[in-house]
Amino acid sequence: MSTSSTGLIDHIPAVVPVATWKQRVIPAMLSAVVGLLLVYAMGFSHNMTLHNAAHDGRHSAGFPCH
């Protein structure tokens, strides 16, 4: 993008690229899977700090755990 001496933009692209559904859905699904695995793994952790963090996360998300 070029600018004039006044600092104003003198060229704006006419077409803005739009992400396809694969470019939006696949990263979202992978993020959800990684997040669920982290919460699940921390729930069975022997470290009480990690276990309690997962426990509180389950409650804040509305999942009953006991």
Foldseek 3Di string as FASTA:
>chain_A
DDADPVRDDPDDDPDDDDDDPCRVVVVVVVVVVVVVVQLVVLCPDPPVVSNVVSVVVCVVVPHDDD
